[in-house]
């Protein structure tokens, strides 16, 4: 069976190289931040966002314990404010919508902040860049976020970006992801 997380990383690796800039828009427990940090290496940089202090603390611990280079900036703020922190185009970005694994499930990403964050992310994408958005339609807000994003992205010219949805057809509440790519 297809492992969606590994497929996520496969797509990222086709665009992200040592020395590049990457953004983890939802750091959670730091798994994606670690992957991005190791992929861009010492000469690259990763910006990671989360609104929960618990996420920032656990990510910092994960990065130290995993031996990641000190090539990251952990930001305790909403991803919708990405342009206040990231001033250069990035080559790869990741959103993992929903809630913090092991955290308070009443605190989730919300359409009101996700939409401006995705719009800002698309504006900040470099040429030949990728943005992966993992969507979790198994709860009401996750389903609404996914529908909102699919509607928005389907209205953007394919000459600006290519937006692709990857999902399991016979499991409608399973997570899926959206891949947004810019031209080389």
C-alpha atoms as a PDB file:
ATOM      1  CA  UNK A   1       0.000   0.000   0.000  1.00  0.00           C
ATOM      2  CA  UNK A   2       1.036   3.565  -0.566  1.00  0.00           C
ATOM      3  CA  UNK A   3       2.455   5.311   2.498  1.00  0.00           C
ATOM      4  CA  UNK A   4       1.195   8.892   2.165  1.00  0.00           C
ATOM      5  CA  UNK A   5       3.909  10.290   4.460  1.00  0.00           C
ATOM      6  CA  UNK A   6       6.664   8.711   2.387  1.00  0.00           C
ATOM      7  CA  UNK A   7       5.008   9.957  -0.801  1.00  0.00           C
ATOM      8  CA  UNK A   8       4.944  13.432   0.760  1.00  0.00           C
ATOM      9  CA  UNK A   9       8.709  13.267   1.281  1.00  0.00           C
ATOM     10  CA  UNK A  10       9.303  11.854  -2.203  1.00  0.00           C
ATOM     11  CA  UNK A  11       7.672  14.910  -3.781  1.00  0.00           C
ATOM     12  CA  UNK A  12       9.605  17.283  -1.492  1.00  0.00           C
ATOM     13  CA  UNK A  13      12.955  15.642  -2.310  1.00  0.00           C
ATOM     14  CA  UNK A  14      12.404  16.351  -6.011  1.00  0.00           C
ATOM     15  CA  UNK A  15      12.524  20.091  -5.292  1.00  0.00           C
ATOM     16  CA  UNK A  16      14.477  20.629  -2.058  1.00  0.00           C
ATOM     17  CA  UNK A  17      18.280  20.547  -1.978  1.00  0.00           C
ATOM     18  CA  UNK A  18      21.126  21.442   0.399  1.00  0.00           C
ATOM     19  CA  UNK A  19      21.331  25.213   0.837  1.00  0.00           C
ATOM     20  CA  UNK A  20      17.644  25.853   0.134  1.00  0.00           C
ATOM     21  CA  UNK A  21      15.054  27.570   2.329  1.00  0.00           C
ATOM     22  CA  UNK A  22      12.068  25.562   3.570  1.00  0.00           C
ATOM     23  CA  UNK A  23       9.040  26.318   5.746  1.00  0.00           C
ATOM     24  CA  UNK A  24       7.129  24.006   8.073  1.00  0.00           C
ATOM     25  CA  UNK A  25       3.867  25.879   8.515  1.00  0.00           C
ATOM     26  CA  UNK A  26       2.600  23.548  11.265  1.00  0.00           C
ATOM     27  CA  UNK A  27       5.544  22.193  13.249  1.00  0.00           C
ATOM     28  CA  UNK A  28       3.544  19.922  15.578  1.00  0.00           C
ATOM     29  CA  UNK A  29       6.031  17.548  17.207  1.00  0.00           C
ATOM     30  CA  UNK A  30       8.770  18.403  14.727  1.00  0.00           C
ATOM     31  CA  UNK A  31       8.831  15.408  12.383  1.00  0.00           C
ATOM     32  CA  UNK A  32       8.499  17.529   9.228  1.00  0.00           C
ATOM     33  CA  UNK A  33      10.833  20.186  10.629  1.00  0.00           C
ATOM     34  CA  UNK A  34      13.470  17.507  11.229  1.00  0.00           C
ATOM     35  CA  UNK A  35      13.049  16.137   7.704  1.00  0.00           C
ATOM     36  CA  UNK A  36      13.366  19.607   6.178  1.00  0.00           C
ATOM     37  CA  UNK A  37      16.362  20.518   8.371  1.00  0.00           C
ATOM     38  CA  UNK A  38      18.290  17.411   7.398  1.00  0.00           C
ATOM     39  CA  UNK A  39      17.382  17.844   3.736  1.00  0.00           C
ATOM     40  CA  UNK A  40      18.582  21.467   3.427  1.00  0.00           C
ATOM     41  CA  UNK A  41      21.666  20.773   5.538  1.00  0.00           C
ATOM     42  CA  UNK A  42      23.952  23.230   7.278  1.00  0.00           C
ATOM     43  CA  UNK A  43      23.905  25.716   4.412  1.00  0.00           C
ATOM     44  CA  UNK A  44      20.087  25.851   4.217  1.00  0.00           C
ATOM     45  CA  UNK A  45      17.460  27.202   6.566  1.00  0.00           C
ATOM     46  CA  UNK A  46      14.077  26.075   7.877  1.00  0.00           C
ATOM     47  CA  UNK A  47      11.377  28.265   9.397  1.00  0.00           C
ATOM     48  CA  UNK A  48       8.785  26.405  11.479  1.00  0.00           C
ATOM     49  CA  UNK A  49       5.526  27.775  12.905  1.00  0.00           C
ATOM     50  CA  UNK A  50       3.089  26.700  15.591  1.00  0.00           C
ATOM     51  CA  UNK A  51       0.665  28.518  17.874  1.00  0.00           C
ATOM     52  CA  UNK A  52       1.226  26.087  20.746  1.00  0.00           C
ATOM     53  CA  UNK A  53       4.208  26.426  23.069  1.00  0.00           C
ATOM     54  CA  UNK A  54       4.119  22.647  23.595  1.00  0.00           C
ATOM     55  CA  UNK A  55       4.820  22.184  19.865  1.00  0.00           C
ATOM     56  CA  UNK A  56       7.768  24.593  19.911  1.00  0.00           C
ATOM     57  CA  UNK A  57       9.254  22.869  22.981  1.00  0.00           C
ATOM     58  CA  UNK A  58       8.851  19.326  21.653  1.00  0.00           C
ATOM     59  CA  UNK A  59      10.192  20.308  18.216  1.00  0.00           C
ATOM     60  CA  UNK A  60      13.275  21.959  19.718  1.00  0.00           C
ATOM     61  CA  UNK A  61      13.930  18.803  21.735  1.00  0.00           C
ATOM     62  CA  UNK A  62      13.427  16.547  18.683  1.00  0.00           C
ATOM     63  CA  UNK A  63      15.826  18.604  16.540  1.00  0.00           C
ATOM     64  CA  UNK A  64      18.529  18.537  19.236  1.00  0.00           C
ATOM     65  CA  UNK A  65      18.133  14.802  19.874  1.00  0.00           C
ATOM     66  CA  UNK A  66      18.139  14.018  16.133  1.00  0.00           C
ATOM     67  CA  UNK A  67      21.428  15.888  15.655  1.00  0.00           C
ATOM     68  CA  UNK A  68      19.987  18.392  13.202  1.00  0.00           C
ATOM     69  CA  UNK A  69      22.228  21.255  12.175  1.00  0.00           C
ATOM     70  CA  UNK A  70      21.327  24.572  13.793  1.00  0.00           C
ATOM     71  CA  UNK A  71      19.716  25.773  10.572  1.00  0.00           C
ATOM     72  CA  UNK A  72      16.220  26.477  11.835  1.00  0.00           C
ATOM     73  CA  UNK A  73      14.094  29.195  13.352  1.00  0.00           C
ATOM     74  CA  UNK A  74      11.202  27.991  15.507  1.00  0.00           C
ATOM     75  CA  UNK A  75       8.413  30.553  15.599  1.00  0.00           C
ATOM     76  CA  UNK A  76       5.685  30.580  18.244  1.00  0.00           C
ATOM     77  CA  UNK A  77       3.085  32.337  16.088  1.00  0.00           C
ATOM     78  CA  UNK A  78       0.362  31.583  13.580  1.00  0.00           C
ATOM     79  CA  UNK A  79       1.395  30.467  10.109  1.00  0.00           C
ATOM     80  CA  UNK A  80      -0.795  33.209   8.675  1.00  0.00           C
ATOM     81  CA  UNK A  81       1.944  35.672   9.688  1.00  0.00           C
ATOM     82  CA  UNK A  82       4.655  33.911   7.667  1.00  0.00           C
ATOM     83  CA  UNK A  83       5.546  37.086   5.757  1.00  0.00           C
ATOM     84  CA  UNK A  84       6.516  38.791   9.039  1.00  0.00           C
ATOM     85  CA  UNK A  85       9.336  36.230   9.391  1.00  0.00           C
ATOM     86  CA  UNK A  86      10.216  34.758   5.991  1.00  0.00           C
ATOM     87  CA  UNK A  87      11.582  37.432   3.660  1.00  0.00           C
ATOM     88  CA  UNK A  88      13.062  35.274   0.900  1.00  0.00           C
ATOM     89  CA  UNK A  89      11.433  32.776  -1.470  1.00  0.00           C
ATOM     90  CA  UNK A  90      11.361  29.196  -0.252  1.00  0.00           C
ATOM     91  CA  UNK A  91      11.873  25.979  -2.208  1.00  0.00           C
ATOM     92  CA  UNK A  92       9.646  23.668  -0.115  1.00  0.00           C
ATOM     93  CA  UNK A  93       6.852  24.106   2.380  1.00  0.00           C
ATOM     94  CA  UNK A  94       4.708  21.725   4.383  1.00  0.00           C
ATOM     95  CA  UNK A  95       1.346  22.073   6.106  1.00  0.00           C
ATOM     96  CA  UNK A  96       0.002  19.278   8.280  1.00  0.00           C
ATOM     97  CA  UNK A  97      -3.482  20.529   9.111  1.00  0.00           C
ATOM     98  CA  UNK A  98      -5.500  19.377  12.110  1.00  0.00           C
ATOM     99  CA  UNK A  99      -4.330  19.146  15.706  1.00  0.00           C
ATOM    100  CA  UNK A 100      -1.088  18.531  17.551  1.00  0.00           C
ATOM    101  CA  UNK A 101      -0.595  14.753  17.866  1.00  0.00           C
ATOM    102  CA  UNK A 102      -0.837  13.938  21.565  1.00  0.00           C
ATOM    103  CA  UNK A 103      -2.115  17.451  22.302  1.00  0.00           C
ATOM    104  CA  UNK A 104      -5.466  19.099  22.918  1.00  0.00           C
ATOM    105  CA  UNK A 105      -7.774  18.042  20.057  1.00  0.00           C
ATOM    106  CA  UNK A 106      -9.939  21.103  20.610  1.00  0.00           C
ATOM    107  CA  UNK A 107      -7.074  23.228  19.237  1.00  0.00           C
ATOM    108  CA  UNK A 108      -6.983  22.721  15.467  1.00  0.00           C
ATOM    109  CA  UNK A 109      -5.927  24.638  12.421  1.00  0.00           C
ATOM    110  CA  UNK A 110      -8.796  26.831  11.246  1.00  0.00           C
ATOM    111  CA  UNK A 111      -9.950  28.080   7.873  1.00  0.00           C
ATOM    112  CA  UNK A 112      -9.593  31.679   9.088  1.00  0.00           C
ATOM    113  CA  UNK A 113      -5.834  31.303   9.506  1.00  0.00           C
ATOM    114  CA  UNK A 114      -5.119  28.494   7.036  1.00  0.00           C
ATOM    115  CA  UNK A 115      -6.419  30.401   4.003  1.00  0.00           C
ATOM    116  CA  UNK A 116      -4.234  33.498   4.503  1.00  0.00           C
ATOM    117  CA  UNK A 117      -1.281  31.229   5.317  1.00  0.00           C
ATOM    118  CA  UNK A 118      -1.681  29.267   2.073  1.00  0.00           C
ATOM    119  CA  UNK A 119      -2.109  32.472   0.052  1.00  0.00           C
ATOM    120  CA  UNK A 120       1.055  33.915   1.616  1.00  0.00           C
ATOM    121  CA  UNK A 121       2.905  30.635   1.050  1.00  0.00           C
ATOM    122  CA  UNK A 122       2.057  30.633  -2.651  1.00  0.00           C
ATOM    123  CA  UNK A 123       3.320  34.232  -2.892  1.00  0.00           C
ATOM    124  CA  UNK A 124       6.602  33.217  -1.223  1.00  0.00           C
ATOM    125  CA  UNK A 125       7.282  30.138  -3.366  1.00  0.00           C
ATOM    126  CA  UNK A 126      10.463  30.234  -5.427  1.00  0.00           C
ATOM    127  CA  UNK A 127      10.670  28.917  -8.987  1.00  0.00           C
ATOM    128  CA  UNK A 128      10.632  25.104  -9.108  1.00  0.00           C
ATOM    129  CA  UNK A 129       9.196  25.048  -5.567  1.00  0.00           C
ATOM    130  CA  UNK A 130       6.719  22.761  -3.851  1.00  0.00           C
ATOM    131  CA  UNK A 131       4.124  23.165  -1.131  1.00  0.00           C
ATOM    132  CA  UNK A 132       2.534  20.050   0.389  1.00  0.00           C
ATOM    133  CA  UNK A 133      -0.663  20.370   2.407  1.00  0.00           C
ATOM    134  CA  UNK A 134      -1.856  17.333   4.400  1.00  0.00           C
ATOM    135  CA  UNK A 135      -5.620  17.528   4.986  1.00  0.00           C
ATOM    136  CA  UNK A 136      -7.557  15.498   7.571  1.00  0.00           C
ATOM    137  CA  UNK A 137     -11.246  15.357   6.563  1.00  0.00           C
ATOM    138  CA  UNK A 138     -12.197  13.024   9.431  1.00  0.00           C
ATOM    139  CA  UNK A 139     -13.397  15.966  11.563  1.00  0.00           C
ATOM    140  CA  UNK A 140     -15.692  18.841  10.603  1.00  0.00           C
ATOM    141  CA  UNK A 141     -13.100  21.633  10.488  1.00  0.00           C
ATOM    142  CA  UNK A 142     -10.617  19.450   8.605  1.00  0.00           C
ATOM    143  CA  UNK A 143     -13.223  18.581   5.995  1.00  0.00           C
ATOM    144  CA  UNK A 144     -14.173  22.266   5.640  1.00  0.00           C
ATOM    145  CA  UNK A 145     -10.508  23.288   5.335  1.00  0.00           C
ATOM    146  CA  UNK A 146      -9.954  20.745   2.589  1.00  0.00           C
ATOM    147  CA  UNK A 147     -13.021  21.823   0.630  1.00  0.00           C
ATOM    148  CA  UNK A 148     -12.026  25.483   0.974  1.00  0.00           C
ATOM    149  CA  UNK A 149      -8.494  24.814  -0.269  1.00  0.00           C
ATOM    150  CA  UNK A 150      -9.610  22.682  -3.211  1.00  0.00           C
ATOM    151  CA  UNK A 151     -12.078  25.366  -4.301  1.00  0.00           C
ATOM    152  CA  UNK A 152      -9.465  28.121  -3.964  1.00  0.00           C
ATOM    153  CA  UNK A 153      -6.681  26.234  -5.734  1.00  0.00           C
ATOM    154  CA  UNK A 154      -8.903  25.123  -8.609  1.00  0.00           C
ATOM    155  CA  UNK A 155      -9.407  28.819  -9.417  1.00  0.00           C
ATOM    156  CA  UNK A 156      -5.715  29.661  -9.827  1.00  0.00           C
ATOM    157  CA  UNK A 157      -4.292  29.616 -13.338  1.00  0.00           C
ATOM    158  CA  UNK A 158      -2.310  26.482 -14.143  1.00  0.00           C
ATOM    159  CA  UNK A 159       0.232  28.822 -15.727  1.00  0.00           C
ATOM    160  CA  UNK A 160       1.049  30.127 -12.226  1.00  0.00           C
ATOM    161  CA  UNK A 161       0.972  26.862 -10.233  1.00  0.00           C
ATOM    162  CA  UNK A 162       0.111  23.210 -10.657  1.00  0.00           C
ATOM    163  CA  UNK A 163      -2.179  21.954  -7.858  1.00  0.00           C
ATOM    164  CA  UNK A 164      -2.693  18.205  -7.486  1.00  0.00           C
ATOM    165  CA  UNK A 165      -4.766  16.281  -4.950  1.00  0.00           C
ATOM    166  CA  UNK A 166      -3.562  12.832  -3.837  1.00  0.00           C
ATOM    167  CA  UNK A 167      -6.138  10.739  -1.991  1.00  0.00           C
ATOM    168  CA  UNK A 168      -7.349   7.200  -1.370  1.00  0.00           C
ATOM    169  CA  UNK A 169     -10.491   6.831  -3.475  1.00  0.00           C
ATOM    170  CA  UNK A 170     -12.172   4.111  -1.449  1.00  0.00           C
ATOM    171  CA  UNK A 171     -11.662   5.753   1.942  1.00  0.00           C
ATOM    172  CA  UNK A 172     -13.301   9.203   1.857  1.00  0.00           C
ATOM    173  CA  UNK A 173     -12.404  10.202   5.439  1.00  0.00           C
ATOM    174  CA  UNK A 174      -8.740   9.216   5.144  1.00  0.00           C
ATOM    175  CA  UNK A 175      -6.157  11.992   5.073  1.00  0.00           C
ATOM    176  CA  UNK A 176      -5.126  13.285   1.680  1.00  0.00           C
ATOM    177  CA  UNK A 177      -2.651  15.829   0.514  1.00  0.00           C
ATOM    178  CA  UNK A 178      -2.426  18.620  -1.967  1.00  0.00           C
ATOM    179  CA  UNK A 179       0.789  19.234  -3.894  1.00  0.00           C
ATOM    180  CA  UNK A 180       1.326  22.754  -5.236  1.00  0.00           C
ATOM    181  CA  UNK A 181       4.270  23.258  -7.586  1.00  0.00           C
ATOM    182  CA  UNK A 182       5.687  26.259  -9.391  1.00  0.00           C
ATOM    183  CA  UNK A 183       7.362  26.092 -12.763  1.00  0.00           C
ATOM    184  CA  UNK A 184      11.174  25.752 -13.006  1.00  0.00           C
END
